[in-house]
Amino acid sequence: MPELVHQRCYRHRQREAAARCLGCERFFCRECVTEHRGRVLCSDCLTKEPDASPGADSKSVLVLRILQFAGGSLLIWFVFYLLGYLLLSIPSAFHDGTIWQQPLRPG
């Protein structure tokens, strides 16, 4: 088996190879390979992958994105609601500065 150190890119002969495609087992530079589902593949082998085409699960991805957006929006609303509730629970004397002038009440 040839070592990666001595190999050149299949498409760019002037560049050193950075990885070996697991589909066709040719050597490629960094620009010619990509990682897909934990495997390093060249563009030719990537197009041959059964689920590599864009839009394979576009409907389920769209539904997931909508649910993520709705959940995130609900979370942000809840945080700001709690912040507003906390600010409203502060007595108005605190905002006027008169709370610091009142004598301490023995408990």
PDB file of N, CA and C in Angstrom:
ATOM      1  N   MET A   1       0.846  -1.178   0.000  1.00  0.00           N
ATOM      2  CA  MET A   1       0.000   0.000   0.000  1.00  0.00           C
ATOM      3  C   MET A   1       0.894   1.244   0.000  1.00  0.00           C
ATOM      4  N   PRO A   2       0.700   2.158  -0.936  1.00  0.00           N
ATOM      5  CA  PRO A   2       1.531   3.360  -0.990  1.00  0.00           C
ATOM      6  C   PRO A   2       1.221   4.295   0.173  1.00  0.00           C
ATOM      7  N   GLU A   3       2.259   4.954   0.673  1.00  0.00           N
ATOM      8  CA  GLU A   3       2.083   5.867   1.785  1.00  0.00           C
ATOM      9  C   GLU A   3       1.552   7.208   1.292  1.00  0.00           C
ATOM     10  N   LEU A   4       0.812   7.875   2.141  1.00  0.00           N
ATOM     11  CA  LEU A   4       0.218   9.159   1.809  1.00  0.00           C
ATOM     12  C   LEU A   4       1.284  10.230   1.595  1.00  0.00           C
ATOM     13  N   VAL A   5       2.398  10.119   2.272  1.00  0.00           N
ATOM     14  CA  VAL A   5       3.463  11.126   2.207  1.00  0.00           C
ATOM     15  C   VAL A   5       4.010  11.265   0.789  1.00  0.00           C
ATOM     16  N   HIS A   6       4.068  10.195   0.052  1.00  0.00           N
ATOM     17  CA  HIS A   6       4.673  10.207  -1.272  1.00  0.00           C
ATOM     18  C   HIS A   6       3.664  10.375  -2.408  1.00  0.00           C
ATOM     19  N   GLN A   7       2.399  10.602  -2.088  1.00  0.00           N
ATOM     20  CA  GLN A   7       1.362  10.660  -3.116  1.00  0.00           C
ATOM     21  C   GLN A   7       1.054  12.099  -3.533  1.00  0.00           C
ATOM     22  N   ARG A   8       0.535  12.246  -4.746  1.00  0.00           N
ATOM     23  CA  ARG A   8       0.103  13.515  -5.299  1.00  0.00           C
ATOM     24  C   ARG A   8      -1.400  13.451  -5.544  1.00  0.00           C
ATOM     25  N   CYS A   9      -2.029  14.622  -5.594  1.00  0.00           N
ATOM     26  CA  CYS A   9      -3.466  14.704  -5.832  1.00  0.00           C
ATOM     27  C   CYS A   9      -3.797  14.139  -7.203  1.00  0.00           C
ATOM     28  N   TYR A  10      -4.885  13.408  -7.303  1.00  0.00           N
ATOM     29  CA  TYR A  10      -5.314  12.804  -8.560  1.00  0.00           C
ATOM     30  C   TYR A  10      -5.672  13.865  -9.595  1.00  0.00           C
ATOM     31  N   ARG A  11      -6.274  14.971  -9.159  1.00  0.00           N
ATOM     32  CA  ARG A  11      -6.689  16.037 -10.067  1.00  0.00           C
ATOM     33  C   ARG A  11      -5.650  17.138 -10.222  1.00  0.00           C
ATOM     34  N   HIS A  12      -4.872  17.387  -9.189  1.00  0.00           N
ATOM     35  CA  HIS A  12      -3.873  18.454  -9.201  1.00  0.00           C
ATOM     36  C   HIS A  12      -2.504  17.832  -8.944  1.00  0.00           C
ATOM     37  N   ARG A  13      -1.821  17.449  -9.970  1.00  0.00           N
ATOM     38  CA  ARG A  13      -0.554  16.720  -9.842  1.00  0.00           C
ATOM     39  C   ARG A  13       0.539  17.526  -9.135  1.00  0.00           C
ATOM     40  N   GLN A  14       0.436  18.852  -9.117  1.00  0.00           N
ATOM     41  CA  GLN A  14       1.456  19.660  -8.463  1.00  0.00           C
ATOM     42  C   GLN A  14       1.271  19.718  -6.942  1.00  0.00           C
ATOM     43  N   ARG A  15       0.125  19.282  -6.429  1.00  0.00           N
ATOM     44  CA  ARG A  15      -0.165  19.343  -4.993  1.00  0.00           C
ATOM     45  C   ARG A  15       0.056  17.991  -4.330  1.00  0.00           C
ATOM     46  N   GLU A  16       0.442  18.058  -3.070  1.00  0.00           N
ATOM     47  CA  GLU A  16       0.575  16.829  -2.282  1.00  0.00           C
ATOM     48  C   GLU A  16      -0.801  16.327  -1.888  1.00  0.00           C
ATOM     49  N   ALA A  17      -0.931  15.038  -1.775  1.00  0.00           N
ATOM     50  CA  ALA A  17      -2.199  14.450  -1.355  1.00  0.00           C
ATOM     51  C   ALA A  17      -2.372  14.625   0.144  1.00  0.00           C
ATOM     52  N   ALA A  18      -3.607  14.905   0.545  1.00  0.00           N
ATOM     53  CA  ALA A  18      -3.916  15.082   1.959  1.00  0.00           C
ATOM     54  C   ALA A  18      -4.774  13.944   2.490  1.00  0.00           C
ATOM     55  N   ALA A  19      -5.476  13.264   1.609  1.00  0.00           N
ATOM     56  CA  ALA A  19      -6.365  12.188   2.050  1.00  0.00           C
ATOM     57  C   ALA A  19      -6.597  11.206   0.905  1.00  0.00           C
ATOM     58  N   ARG A  20      -7.107  10.061   1.280  1.00  0.00           N
ATOM     59  CA  ARG A  20      -7.446   9.029   0.304  1.00  0.00           C
ATOM     60  C   ARG A  20      -8.952   8.823   0.331  1.00  0.00           C
ATOM     61  N   CYS A  21      -9.567   8.883  -0.816  1.00  0.00           N
ATOM     62  CA  CYS A  21     -11.009   8.677  -0.913  1.00  0.00           C
ATOM     63  C   CYS A  21     -11.319   7.220  -0.578  1.00  0.00           C
ATOM     64  N   LEU A  22     -12.299   7.020   0.279  1.00  0.00           N
ATOM     65  CA  LEU A  22     -12.665   5.658   0.657  1.00  0.00           C
ATOM     66  C   LEU A  22     -13.536   4.981  -0.395  1.00  0.00           C
ATOM     67  N   GLY A  23     -14.054   5.759  -1.350  1.00  0.00           N
ATOM     68  CA  GLY A  23     -14.879   5.177  -2.403  1.00  0.00           C
ATOM     69  C   GLY A  23     -14.045   4.611  -3.536  1.00  0.00           C
ATOM     70  N   CYS A  24     -13.201   5.447  -4.131  1.00  0.00           N
ATOM     71  CA  CYS A  24     -12.401   5.017  -5.274  1.00  0.00           C
ATOM     72  C   CYS A  24     -10.953   4.701  -4.897  1.00  0.00           C
ATOM     73  N   GLU A  25     -10.570   5.024  -3.681  1.00  0.00           N
ATOM     74  CA  GLU A  25      -9.238   4.766  -3.126  1.00  0.00           C
ATOM     75  C   GLU A  25      -8.126   5.514  -3.865  1.00  0.00           C
ATOM     76  N   ARG A  26      -8.472   6.664  -4.462  1.00  0.00           N
ATOM     77  CA  ARG A  26      -7.456   7.533  -5.057  1.00  0.00           C
ATOM     78  C   ARG A  26      -7.059   8.586  -4.036  1.00  0.00           C
ATOM     79  N   PHE A  27      -5.913   9.206  -4.267  1.00  0.00           N
ATOM     80  CA  PHE A  27      -5.415  10.235  -3.371  1.00  0.00           C
ATOM     81  C   PHE A  27      -5.809  11.610  -3.892  1.00  0.00           C
ATOM     82  N   PHE A  28      -6.153  12.525  -2.954  1.00  0.00           N
ATOM     83  CA  PHE A  28      -6.601  13.862  -3.322  1.00  0.00           C
ATOM     84  C   PHE A  28      -6.030  14.899  -2.362  1.00  0.00           C
ATOM     85  N   CYS A  29      -5.967  16.157  -2.829  1.00  0.00           N
ATOM     86  CA  CYS A  29      -5.552  17.264  -1.959  1.00  0.00           C
ATOM     87  C   CYS A  29      -6.749  17.682  -1.096  1.00  0.00           C
ATOM     88  N   ARG A  30      -6.534  18.656  -0.234  1.00  0.00           N
ATOM     89  CA  ARG A  30      -7.584  19.085   0.694  1.00  0.00           C
ATOM     90  C   ARG A  30      -8.805  19.671  -0.013  1.00  0.00           C
ATOM     91  N   GLU A  31      -8.594  20.307  -1.139  1.00  0.00           N
ATOM     92  CA  GLU A  31      -9.708  20.934  -1.857  1.00  0.00           C
ATOM     93  C   GLU A  31     -10.586  19.933  -2.601  1.00  0.00           C
ATOM     94  N   CYS A  32     -10.077  18.751  -2.851  1.00  0.00           N
ATOM     95  CA  CYS A  32     -10.800  17.777  -3.673  1.00  0.00           C
ATOM     96  C   CYS A  32     -11.592  16.758  -2.860  1.00  0.00           C
ATOM     97  N   VAL A  33     -11.444  16.740  -1.560  1.00  0.00           N
ATOM     98  CA  VAL A  33     -12.167  15.762  -0.740  1.00  0.00           C
ATOM     99  C   VAL A  33     -13.054  16.484   0.269  1.00  0.00           C
ATOM    100  N   THR A  34     -14.044  15.775   0.738  1.00  0.00           N
ATOM    101  CA  THR A  34     -14.933  16.285   1.771  1.00  0.00           C
ATOM    102  C   THR A  34     -15.331  15.134   2.690  1.00  0.00           C
ATOM    103  N   GLU A  35     -15.790  15.471   3.877  1.00  0.00           N
ATOM    104  CA  GLU A  35     -16.236  14.442   4.813  1.00  0.00           C
ATOM    105  C   GLU A  35     -17.746  14.310   4.708  1.00  0.00           C
ATOM    106  N   HIS A  36     -18.202  13.097   4.549  1.00  0.00           N
ATOM    107  CA  HIS A  36     -19.633  12.820   4.439  1.00  0.00           C
ATOM    108  C   HIS A  36     -19.949  11.596   5.283  1.00  0.00           C
ATOM    109  N   ARG A  37     -20.747  11.812   6.325  1.00  0.00           N
ATOM    110  CA  ARG A  37     -21.139  10.729   7.241  1.00  0.00           C
ATOM    111  C   ARG A  37     -19.931   9.996   7.806  1.00  0.00           C
ATOM    112  N   GLY A  38     -18.924  10.771   8.207  1.00  0.00           N
ATOM    113  CA  GLY A  38     -17.750  10.195   8.841  1.00  0.00           C
ATOM    114  C   GLY A  38     -16.765   9.552   7.888  1.00  0.00           C
ATOM    115  N   ARG A  39     -16.964   9.728   6.586  1.00  0.00           N
ATOM    116  CA  ARG A  39     -16.065   9.149   5.583  1.00  0.00           C
ATOM    117  C   ARG A  39     -15.516  10.254   4.700  1.00  0.00           C
ATOM    118  N   VAL A  40     -14.268  10.132   4.295  1.00  0.00           N
ATOM    119  CA  VAL A  40     -13.652  11.088   3.380  1.00  0.00           C
ATOM    120  C   VAL A  40     -13.891  10.609   1.956  1.00  0.00           C
ATOM    121  N   LEU A  41     -14.556  11.453   1.146  1.00  0.00           N
ATOM    122  CA  LEU A  41     -14.914  11.077  -0.220  1.00  0.00           C
ATOM    123  C   LEU A  41     -14.557  12.196  -1.196  1.00  0.00           C
ATOM    124  N   CYS A  42     -14.244  11.820  -2.421  1.00  0.00           N
ATOM    125  CA  CYS A  42     -14.037  12.805  -3.482  1.00  0.00           C
ATOM    126  C   CYS A  42     -15.410  13.195  -4.032  1.00  0.00           C
ATOM    127  N   SER A  43     -15.441  14.211  -4.883  1.00  0.00           N
ATOM    128  CA  SER A  43     -16.724  14.696  -5.404  1.00  0.00           C
ATOM    129  C   SER A  43     -17.414  13.663  -6.288  1.00  0.00           C
ATOM    130  N   ASP A  44     -16.638  12.869  -7.033  1.00  0.00           N
ATOM    131  CA  ASP A  44     -17.247  11.833  -7.870  1.00  0.00           C
ATOM    132  C   ASP A  44     -17.943  10.772  -7.026  1.00  0.00           C
ATOM    133  N   CYS A  45     -17.272  10.316  -5.986  1.00  0.00           N
ATOM    134  CA  CYS A  45     -17.865   9.291  -5.112  1.00  0.00           C
ATOM    135  C   CYS A  45     -19.007   9.867  -4.281  1.00  0.00           C
ATOM    136  N   LEU A  46     -18.926  11.149  -3.975  1.00  0.00           N
ATOM    137  CA  LEU A  46     -19.992  11.786  -3.204  1.00  0.00           C
ATOM    138  C   LEU A  46     -21.287  11.818  -4.003  1.00  0.00           C
ATOM    139  N   THR A  47     -21.197  12.064  -5.306  1.00  0.00           N
ATOM    140  CA  THR A  47     -22.408  12.063  -6.136  1.00  0.00           C
ATOM    141  C   THR A  47     -22.976  10.661  -6.316  1.00  0.00           C
ATOM    142  N   LYS A  48     -22.168   9.639  -6.146  1.00  0.00           N
ATOM    143  CA  LYS A  48     -22.637   8.260  -6.253  1.00  0.00           C
ATOM    144  C   LYS A  48     -23.307   7.760  -4.983  1.00  0.00           C
ATOM    145  N   GLU A  49     -23.100   8.483  -3.857  1.00  0.00           N
ATOM    146  CA  GLU A  49     -23.713   8.091  -2.585  1.00  0.00           C
ATOM    147  C   GLU A  49     -25.233   8.164  -2.712  1.00  0.00           C
ATOM    148  N   PRO A  50     -25.961   7.195  -2.156  1.00  0.00           N
ATOM    149  CA  PRO A  50     -27.420   7.175  -2.319  1.00  0.00           C
ATOM    150  C   PRO A  50     -28.129   8.369  -1.690  1.00  0.00           C
ATOM    151  N   ASP A  51     -27.699   8.833  -0.525  1.00  0.00           N
ATOM    152  CA  ASP A  51     -28.378   9.933   0.160  1.00  0.00           C
ATOM    153  C   ASP A  51     -27.584  11.226   0.097  1.00  0.00           C
ATOM    154  N   ALA A  52     -26.660  11.332  -0.813  1.00  0.00           N
ATOM    155  CA  ALA A  52     -25.814  12.521  -0.879  1.00  0.00           C
ATOM    156  C   ALA A  52     -26.466  13.664  -1.644  1.00  0.00           C
ATOM    157  N   SER A  53     -27.493  13.368  -2.420  1.00  0.00           N
ATOM    158  CA  SER A  53     -28.109  14.422  -3.213  1.00  0.00           C
ATOM    159  C   SER A  53     -28.855  15.398  -2.310  1.00  0.00           C
ATOM    160  N   PRO A  54     -28.757  16.704  -2.610  1.00  0.00           N
ATOM    161  CA  PRO A  54     -29.460  17.677  -1.784  1.00  0.00           C
ATOM    162  C   PRO A  54     -30.958  17.514  -1.926  1.00  0.00           C
ATOM    163  N   GLY A  55     -31.671  17.683  -0.830  1.00  0.00           N
ATOM    164  CA  GLY A  55     -33.115  17.579  -0.849  1.00  0.00           C
ATOM    165  C   GLY A  55     -33.633  16.182  -0.584  1.00  0.00           C
ATOM    166  N   ALA A  56     -32.776  15.278  -0.152  1.00  0.00           N
ATOM    167  CA  ALA A  56     -33.226  13.915   0.108  1.00  0.00           C
ATOM    168  C   ALA A  56     -34.250  13.885   1.244  1.00  0.00           C
ATOM    169  N   ASP A  57     -33.977  14.605   2.300  1.00  0.00           N
ATOM    170  CA  ASP A  57     -34.897  14.678   3.428  1.00  0.00           C
ATOM    171  C   ASP A  57     -35.306  16.120   3.672  1.00  0.00           C
ATOM    172  N   SER A  58     -35.523  16.866   2.609  1.00  0.00           N
ATOM    173  CA  SER A  58     -35.769  18.294   2.753  1.00  0.00           C
ATOM    174  C   SER A  58     -37.045  18.592   3.530  1.00  0.00           C
ATOM    175  N   LYS A  59     -38.060  17.753   3.399  1.00  0.00           N
ATOM    176  CA  LYS A  59     -39.313  18.003   4.116  1.00  0.00           C
ATOM    177  C   LYS A  59     -39.137  17.816   5.621  1.00  0.00           C
ATOM    178  N   SER A  60     -38.452  16.763   6.023  1.00  0.00           N
ATOM    179  CA  SER A  60     -38.237  16.546   7.451  1.00  0.00           C
ATOM    180  C   SER A  60     -37.271  17.574   8.029  1.00  0.00           C
ATOM    181  N   VAL A  61     -36.285  18.006   7.236  1.00  0.00           N
ATOM    182  CA  VAL A  61     -35.361  19.045   7.691  1.00  0.00           C
ATOM    183  C   VAL A  61     -36.102  20.360   7.862  1.00  0.00           C
ATOM    184  N   LEU A  62     -37.009  20.673   6.933  1.00  0.00           N
ATOM    185  CA  LEU A  62     -37.791  21.902   7.024  1.00  0.00           C
ATOM    186  C   LEU A  62     -38.663  21.896   8.269  1.00  0.00           C
ATOM    187  N   VAL A  63     -39.320  20.783   8.542  1.00  0.00           N
ATOM    188  CA  VAL A  63     -40.165  20.681   9.734  1.00  0.00           C
ATOM    189  C   VAL A  63     -39.313  20.827  11.003  1.00  0.00           C
ATOM    190  N   LEU A  64     -38.152  20.200  11.009  1.00  0.00           N
ATOM    191  CA  LEU A  64     -37.261  20.312  12.158  1.00  0.00           C
ATOM    192  C   LEU A  64     -36.810  21.749  12.361  1.00  0.00           C
ATOM    193  N   ARG A  65     -36.458  22.440  11.297  1.00  0.00           N
ATOM    194  CA  ARG A  65     -36.026  23.849  11.407  1.00  0.00           C
ATOM    195  C   ARG A  65     -37.155  24.737  11.917  1.00  0.00           C
ATOM    196  N   ILE A  66     -38.371  24.497  11.458  1.00  0.00           N
ATOM    197  CA  ILE A  66     -39.517  25.282  11.927  1.00  0.00           C
ATOM    198  C   ILE A  66     -39.748  25.040  13.405  1.00  0.00           C
ATOM    199  N   LEU A  67     -39.654  23.794  13.837  1.00  0.00           N
ATOM    200  CA  LEU A  67     -39.826  23.482  15.259  1.00  0.00           C
ATOM    201  C   LEU A  67     -38.714  24.093  16.100  1.00  0.00           C
ATOM    202  N   GLN A  68     -37.493  24.086  15.605  1.00  0.00           N
ATOM    203  CA  GLN A  68     -36.390  24.706  16.326  1.00  0.00           C
ATOM    204  C   GLN A  68     -36.607  26.212  16.450  1.00  0.00           C
ATOM    205  N   PHE A  69     -37.044  26.843  15.380  1.00  0.00           N
ATOM    206  CA  PHE A  69     -37.305  28.276  15.415  1.00  0.00           C
ATOM    207  C   PHE A  69     -38.422  28.601  16.405  1.00  0.00           C
ATOM    208  N   ALA A  70     -39.503  27.824  16.376  1.00  0.00           N
ATOM    209  CA  ALA A  70     -40.627  28.057  17.286  1.00  0.00           C
ATOM    210  C   ALA A  70     -40.195  27.847  18.734  1.00  0.00           C
ATOM    211  N   GLY A  71     -39.436  26.787  18.994  1.00  0.00           N
ATOM    212  CA  GLY A  71     -38.966  26.530  20.358  1.00  0.00           C
ATOM    213  C   GLY A  71     -38.021  27.611  20.854  1.00  0.00           C
ATOM    214  N   GLY A  72     -37.122  28.068  19.987  1.00  0.00           N
ATOM    215  CA  GLY A  72     -36.207  29.137  20.358  1.00  0.00           C
ATOM    216  C   GLY A  72     -36.933  30.440  20.622  1.00  0.00           C
ATOM    217  N   SER A  73     -37.927  30.747  19.782  1.00  0.00           N
ATOM    218  CA  SER A  73     -38.715  31.969  19.975  1.00  0.00           C
ATOM    219  C   SER A  73     -39.494  31.910  21.280  1.00  0.00           C
ATOM    220  N   LEU A  74     -40.062  30.756  21.584  1.00  0.00           N
ATOM    221  CA  LEU A  74     -40.787  30.587  22.836  1.00  0.00           C
ATOM    222  C   LEU A  74     -39.861  30.732  24.038  1.00  0.00           C
ATOM    223  N   LEU A  75     -38.673  30.196  23.951  1.00  0.00           N
ATOM    224  CA  LEU A  75     -37.703  30.316  25.035  1.00  0.00           C
ATOM    225  C   LEU A  75     -37.286  31.767  25.247  1.00  0.00           C
ATOM    226  N   ILE A  76     -37.021  32.486  24.173  1.00  0.00           N
ATOM    227  CA  ILE A  76     -36.648  33.898  24.287  1.00  0.00           C
ATOM    228  C   ILE A  76     -37.794  34.705  24.892  1.00  0.00           C
ATOM    229  N   TRP A  77     -39.033  34.457  24.443  1.00  0.00           N
ATOM    230  CA  TRP A  77     -40.177  35.154  24.998  1.00  0.00           C
ATOM    231  C   TRP A  77     -40.291  34.897  26.498  1.00  0.00           C
ATOM    232  N   PHE A  78     -40.116  33.650  26.912  1.00  0.00           N
ATOM    233  CA  PHE A  78     -40.238  33.299  28.325  1.00  0.00           C
ATOM    234  C   PHE A  78     -39.172  33.981  29.167  1.00  0.00           C
ATOM    235  N   VAL A  79     -37.937  34.040  28.664  1.00  0.00           N
ATOM    236  CA  VAL A  79     -36.857  34.703  29.399  1.00  0.00           C
ATOM    237  C   VAL A  79     -37.175  36.184  29.572  1.00  0.00           C
ATOM    238  N   PHE A  80     -37.622  36.846  28.519  1.00  0.00           N
ATOM    239  CA  PHE A  80     -37.955  38.268  28.630  1.00  0.00           C
ATOM    240  C   PHE A  80     -39.192  38.490  29.489  1.00  0.00           C
ATOM    241  N   TYR A  81     -40.131  37.554  29.474  1.00  0.00           N
ATOM    242  CA  TYR A  81     -41.296  37.644  30.355  1.00  0.00           C
ATOM    243  C   TYR A  81     -40.864  37.594  31.819  1.00  0.00           C
ATOM    244  N   LEU A  82     -39.983  36.647  32.143  1.00  0.00           N
ATOM    245  CA  LEU A  82     -39.498  36.553  33.517  1.00  0.00           C
ATOM    246  C   LEU A  82     -38.695  37.787  33.919  1.00  0.00           C
ATOM    247  N   LEU A  83     -37.914  38.316  33.002  1.00  0.00           N
ATOM    248  CA  LEU A  83     -37.157  39.527  33.285  1.00  0.00           C
ATOM    249  C   LEU A  83     -38.096  40.703  33.549  1.00  0.00           C
ATOM    250  N   GLY A  84     -39.137  40.844  32.759  1.00  0.00           N
ATOM    251  CA  GLY A  84     -40.131  41.899  32.981  1.00  0.00           C
ATOM    252  C   GLY A  84     -40.857  41.721  34.298  1.00  0.00           C
ATOM    253  N   TYR A  85     -41.200  40.485  34.628  1.00  0.00           N
ATOM    254  CA  TYR A  85     -41.875  40.201  35.894  1.00  0.00           C
ATOM    255  C   TYR A  85     -40.973  40.565  37.078  1.00  0.00           C
ATOM    256  N   LEU A  86     -39.696  40.250  36.953  1.00  0.00           N
ATOM    257  CA  LEU A  86     -38.742  40.590  38.004  1.00  0.00           C
ATOM    258  C   LEU A  86     -38.621  42.103  38.155  1.00  0.00           C
ATOM    259  N   LEU A  87     -38.544  42.820  37.055  1.00  0.00           N
ATOM    260  CA  LEU A  87     -38.435  44.280  37.124  1.00  0.00           C
ATOM    261  C   LEU A  87     -39.698  44.909  37.693  1.00  0.00           C
ATOM    262  N   LEU A  88     -40.858  44.339  37.387  1.00  0.00           N
ATOM    263  CA  LEU A  88     -42.107  44.879  37.937  1.00  0.00           C
ATOM    264  C   LEU A  88     -42.259  44.595  39.426  1.00  0.00           C
ATOM    265  N   SER A  89     -41.594  43.575  39.924  1.00  0.00           N
ATOM    266  CA  SER A  89     -41.711  43.251  41.350  1.00  0.00           C
ATOM    267  C   SER A  89     -40.835  44.136  42.222  1.00  0.00           C
ATOM    268  N   ILE A  90     -39.957  44.912  41.636  1.00  0.00           N
ATOM    269  CA  ILE A  90     -39.133  45.847  42.408  1.00  0.00           C
ATOM    270  C   ILE A  90     -40.024  47.010  42.842  1.00  0.00           C
ATOM    271  N   PRO A  91     -40.009  47.376  44.125  1.00  0.00           N
ATOM    272  CA  PRO A  91     -40.882  48.463  44.588  1.00  0.00           C
ATOM    273  C   PRO A  91     -40.489  49.798  43.951  1.00  0.00           C
ATOM    274  N   SER A  92     -41.496  50.656  43.755  1.00  0.00           N
ATOM    275  CA  SER A  92     -41.243  51.947  43.113  1.00  0.00           C
ATOM    276  C   SER A  92     -40.359  52.845  43.969  1.00  0.00           C
ATOM    277  N   ALA A  93     -40.347  52.621  45.266  1.00  0.00           N
ATOM    278  CA  ALA A  93     -39.490  53.418  46.151  1.00  0.00           C
ATOM    279  C   ALA A  93     -38.015  53.187  45.824  1.00  0.00           C
ATOM    280  N   PHE A  94     -37.707  52.034  45.306  1.00  0.00           N
ATOM    281  CA  PHE A  94     -36.327  51.740  44.913  1.00  0.00           C
ATOM    282  C   PHE A  94     -35.912  52.613  43.740  1.00  0.00           C
ATOM    283  N   HIS A  95     -36.824  52.802  42.791  1.00  0.00           N
ATOM    284  CA  HIS A  95     -36.520  53.610  41.616  1.00  0.00           C
ATOM    285  C   HIS A  95     -36.429  55.090  41.971  1.00  0.00           C
ATOM    286  N   ASP A  96     -37.241  55.535  42.939  1.00  0.00           N
ATOM    287  CA  ASP A  96     -37.222  56.937  43.350  1.00  0.00           C
ATOM    288  C   ASP A  96     -35.995  57.268  44.187  1.00  0.00           C
ATOM    289  N   GLY A  97     -35.393  56.278  44.793  1.00  0.00           N
ATOM    290  CA  GLY A  97     -34.248  56.499  45.673  1.00  0.00           C
ATOM    291  C   GLY A  97     -34.667  56.722  47.112  1.00  0.00           C
ATOM    292  N   THR A  98     -35.985  56.691  47.378  1.00  0.00           N
ATOM    293  CA  THR A  98     -36.444  56.936  48.747  1.00  0.00           C
ATOM    294  C   THR A  98     -36.330  55.702  49.632  1.00  0.00           C
ATOM    295  N   ILE A  99     -36.093  54.546  49.040  1.00  0.00           N
ATOM    296  CA  ILE A  99     -35.972  53.327  49.840  1.00  0.00           C
ATOM    297  C   ILE A  99     -34.756  53.394  50.752  1.00  0.00           C
ATOM    298  N   TRP A 100     -33.735  54.121  50.342  1.00  0.00           N
ATOM    299  CA  TRP A 100     -32.508  54.230  51.133  1.00  0.00           C
ATOM    300  C   TRP A 100     -32.649  55.257  52.256  1.00  0.00           C
ATOM    301  N   GLN A 101     -33.677  56.090  52.194  1.00  0.00           N
ATOM    302  CA  GLN A 101     -33.877  57.108  53.205  1.00  0.00           C
ATOM    303  C   GLN A 101     -34.812  56.651  54.306  1.00  0.00           C
ATOM    304  N   GLN A 102     -35.494  55.514  54.129  1.00  0.00           N
ATOM    305  CA  GLN A 102     -36.438  55.025  55.127  1.00  0.00           C
ATOM    306  C   GLN A 102     -35.663  54.398  56.283  1.00  0.00           C
ATOM    307  N   PRO A 103     -36.150  54.582  57.519  1.00  0.00           N
ATOM    308  CA  PRO A 103     -35.482  53.963  58.659  1.00  0.00           C
ATOM    309  C   PRO A 103     -35.679  52.457  58.643  1.00  0.00           C
ATOM    310  N   LEU A 104     -34.721  51.744  59.161  1.00  0.00           N
ATOM    311  CA  LEU A 104     -34.811  50.290  59.247  1.00  0.00           C
ATOM    312  C   LEU A 104     -35.858  49.912  60.275  1.00  0.00           C
ATOM    313  N   ARG A 105     -36.678  48.959  59.935  1.00  0.00           N
ATOM    314  CA  ARG A 105     -37.709  48.474  60.867  1.00  0.00           C
ATOM    315  C   ARG A 105     -37.159  47.282  61.629  1.00  0.00           C
ATOM    316  N   PRO A 106     -37.254  47.299  62.916  1.00  0.00           N
ATOM    317  CA  PRO A 106     -36.796  46.135  63.661  1.00  0.00           C
ATOM    318  C   PRO A 106     -37.733  44.961  63.394  1.00  0.00           C
ATOM    319  N   GLY A 107     -37.152  43.834  63.152  1.00  0.00           N
ATOM    320  CA  GLY A 107     -37.896  42.669  62.737  1.00  0.00           C
ATOM    321  C   GLY A 107     -38.447  41.902  63.831  1.00  0.00           C
TER     322      GLY A 107
END
